[in-house]
C-alpha atoms as a PDB file:
ATOM      1  CA  MET A   1     -93.478-118.185  79.501  1.00  0.00           C
ATOM      2  CA  ALA A   2     -96.687-116.788  78.044  1.00  0.00           C
ATOM      3  CA  LYS A   3     -99.466-116.120  80.502  1.00  0.00           C
ATOM      4  CA  GLU A   4    -101.751-118.701  78.879  1.00  0.00           C
ATOM      5  CA  ASP A   5     -98.999-121.318  79.397  1.00  0.00           C
ATOM      6  CA  ALA A   6     -98.522-120.450  83.082  1.00  0.00           C
ATOM      7  CA  PRO A   7     -99.404-123.494  85.195  1.00  0.00           C
ATOM      8  CA  SER A   8    -102.762-123.479  86.955  1.00  0.00           C
ATOM      9  CA  ILE A   9    -105.264-125.914  88.402  1.00  0.00           C
ATOM     10  CA  SER A  10    -108.951-125.288  87.982  1.00  0.00           C
ATOM     11  CA  GLY A  11    -111.889-127.521  88.487  1.00  0.00           C
ATOM     12  CA  THR A  12    -115.391-128.166  89.651  1.00  0.00           C
ATOM     13  CA  VAL A  13    -116.502-129.768  92.904  1.00  0.00           C
ATOM     14  CA  ILE A  14    -119.612-131.891  92.540  1.00  0.00           C
ATOM     15  CA  ARG A  15    -121.890-133.437  95.141  1.00  0.00           C
ATOM     16  CA  ASP A  16    -124.793-135.754  94.313  1.00  0.00           C
ATOM     17  CA  GLY A  17    -124.033-135.197  90.623  1.00  0.00           C
ATOM     18  CA  GLN A  18    -124.443-131.410  90.844  1.00  0.00           C
ATOM     19  CA  PRO A  19    -121.917-128.544  91.128  1.00  0.00           C
ATOM     20  CA  ALA A  20    -121.359-127.720  94.801  1.00  0.00           C
ATOM     21  CA  GLY A  21    -121.025-124.072  95.836  1.00  0.00           C
ATOM     22  CA  SER A  22    -119.335-122.794  99.003  1.00  0.00           C
ATOM     23  CA  VAL A  23    -117.079-125.857  99.365  1.00  0.00           C
ATOM     24  CA  TYR A  24    -113.736-125.240 101.118  1.00  0.00           C
ATOM     25  CA  VAL A  25    -110.858-126.163  98.776  1.00  0.00           C
ATOM     26  CA  ARG A  26    -107.208-126.343  99.891  1.00  0.00           C
ATOM     27  CA  LEU A  27    -104.093-126.434  97.752  1.00  0.00           C
ATOM     28  CA  VAL A  28    -101.290-128.513  99.285  1.00  0.00           C
ATOM     29  CA  GLY A  29     -97.803-128.243  97.820  1.00  0.00           C
ATOM     30  CA  PRO A  30     -95.382-130.907  96.608  1.00  0.00           C
ATOM     31  CA  SER A  31     -93.735-131.087 100.056  1.00  0.00           C
ATOM     32  CA  GLY A  32     -97.051-131.425 101.901  1.00  0.00           C
ATOM     33  CA  GLU A  33     -97.216-127.765 102.909  1.00  0.00           C
ATOM     34  CA  PHE A  34    -100.440-125.737 102.918  1.00  0.00           C
ATOM     35  CA  VAL A  35    -100.265-123.179 100.088  1.00  0.00           C
ATOM     36  CA  ALA A  36    -103.678-121.610  99.473  1.00  0.00           C
ATOM     37  CA  GLU A  37    -107.398-121.949 100.083  1.00  0.00           C
ATOM     38  CA  GLU A  38    -110.649-120.695  98.632  1.00  0.00           C
ATOM     39  CA  TYR A  39    -114.341-121.506  98.534  1.00  0.00           C
ATOM     40  CA  THR A  40    -115.991-122.703  95.345  1.00  0.00           C
ATOM     41  CA  GLN A  41    -118.273-120.335  93.488  1.00  0.00           C
ATOM     42  CA  ASP A  42    -121.995-121.113  93.230  1.00  0.00           C
ATOM     43  CA  ASP A  43    -121.236-123.222  90.140  1.00  0.00           C
ATOM     44  CA  GLY A  44    -118.692-125.325  92.074  1.00  0.00           C
ATOM     45  CA  VAL A  45    -115.670-123.799  90.308  1.00  0.00           C
ATOM     46  CA  PHE A  46    -112.266-123.122  91.900  1.00  0.00           C
ATOM     47  CA  SER A  47    -108.876-122.076  90.492  1.00  0.00           C
ATOM     48  CA  PHE A  48    -105.273-121.813  91.710  1.00  0.00           C
ATOM     49  CA  HIS A  49    -102.149-120.496  89.948  1.00  0.00           C
ATOM     50  CA  VAL A  50     -99.260-122.871  90.697  1.00  0.00           C
ATOM     51  CA  ALA A  51     -95.702-123.731  89.739  1.00  0.00           C
ATOM     52  CA  ALA A  52     -95.023-126.915  87.791  1.00  0.00           C
ATOM     53  CA  GLY A  53     -95.121-130.010  89.998  1.00  0.00           C
ATOM     54  CA  THR A  54     -97.452-132.393  91.787  1.00  0.00           C
ATOM     55  CA  TRP A  55    -100.108-130.755  93.934  1.00  0.00           C
ATOM     56  CA  MET A  56    -102.876-132.064  96.179  1.00  0.00           C
ATOM     57  CA  ILE A  57    -106.379-130.616  96.047  1.00  0.00           C
ATOM     58  CA  GLU A  58    -108.526-131.200  99.151  1.00  0.00           C
ATOM     59  CA  ALA A  59    -112.235-130.367  99.145  1.00  0.00           C
ATOM     60  CA  ARG A  60    -114.195-130.255 102.409  1.00  0.00           C
ATOM     61  CA  ALA A  61    -117.880-129.741 103.133  1.00  0.00           C
ATOM     62  CA  ALA A  62    -120.223-130.517 106.030  1.00  0.00           C
ATOM     63  CA  GLY A  63    -121.730-133.984 105.745  1.00  0.00           C
ATOM     64  CA  ALA A  64    -119.132-135.194 103.231  1.00  0.00           C
ATOM     65  CA  GLU A  65    -115.837-137.050 103.348  1.00  0.00           C
ATOM     66  CA  THR A  66    -112.786-134.917 102.545  1.00  0.00           C
ATOM     67  CA  ALA A  67    -112.025-135.506  98.861  1.00  0.00           C
ATOM     68  CA  LYS A  68    -108.325-135.536  97.921  1.00  0.00           C
ATOM     69  CA  GLN A  69    -106.929-135.559  94.421  1.00  0.00           C
ATOM     70  CA  ALA A  70    -103.294-135.404  93.283  1.00  0.00           C
ATOM     71  CA  VAL A  71    -102.710-133.243  90.213  1.00  0.00           C
ATOM     72  CA  GLU A  72     -99.567-133.195  88.044  1.00  0.00           C
ATOM     73  CA  VAL A  73     -99.050-129.833  86.328  1.00  0.00           C
ATOM     74  CA  SER A  74     -96.293-128.939  83.869  1.00  0.00           C
ATOM     75  CA  SER A  75     -97.665-125.986  81.897  1.00  0.00           C
ATOM     76  CA  GLY A  76    -101.023-124.537  80.981  1.00  0.00           C
ATOM     77  CA  GLU A  77    -104.280-125.142  82.780  1.00  0.00           C
ATOM     78  CA  LYS A  78    -105.051-128.540  84.294  1.00  0.00           C
ATOM     79  CA  THR A  79    -108.814-128.998  84.722  1.00  0.00           C
ATOM     80  CA  ILE A  80    -110.188-131.559  87.172  1.00  0.00           C
ATOM     81  CA  THR A  81    -113.459-132.663  88.718  1.00  0.00           C
ATOM     82  CA  VAL A  82    -113.560-133.422  92.449  1.00  0.00           C
ATOM     83  CA  GLU A  83    -116.479-135.491  93.710  1.00  0.00           C
ATOM     84  CA  LEU A  84    -117.638-135.280  97.325  1.00  0.00           C
ATOM     85  CA  GLN A  85    -118.946-138.491  98.898  1.00  0.00           C
ATOM     86  CA  PRO A  86    -121.375-138.648 101.848  1.00  0.00           C
ATOM     87  CA  ALA A  87    -119.740-138.977 105.268  1.00  0.00           C
END
């Protein structure tokens, strides 16, 4: 499989319509297991390399509800937007 076809999930976390930096993002695997974590960059961007399957992205920040989004990935990059809502 060519590197550009390798499955990955990338996205942007937004809050109040703007990209949200320093948001904690978790990657949860198809069996519900914790796989990886990172904080968004200043522009709200995050990225994980994954195997094909269904993954859960969870974004957490102070003063906001935890945002969860299921993502189906087969090959290539899947790009999503995760929106934080006030707590």
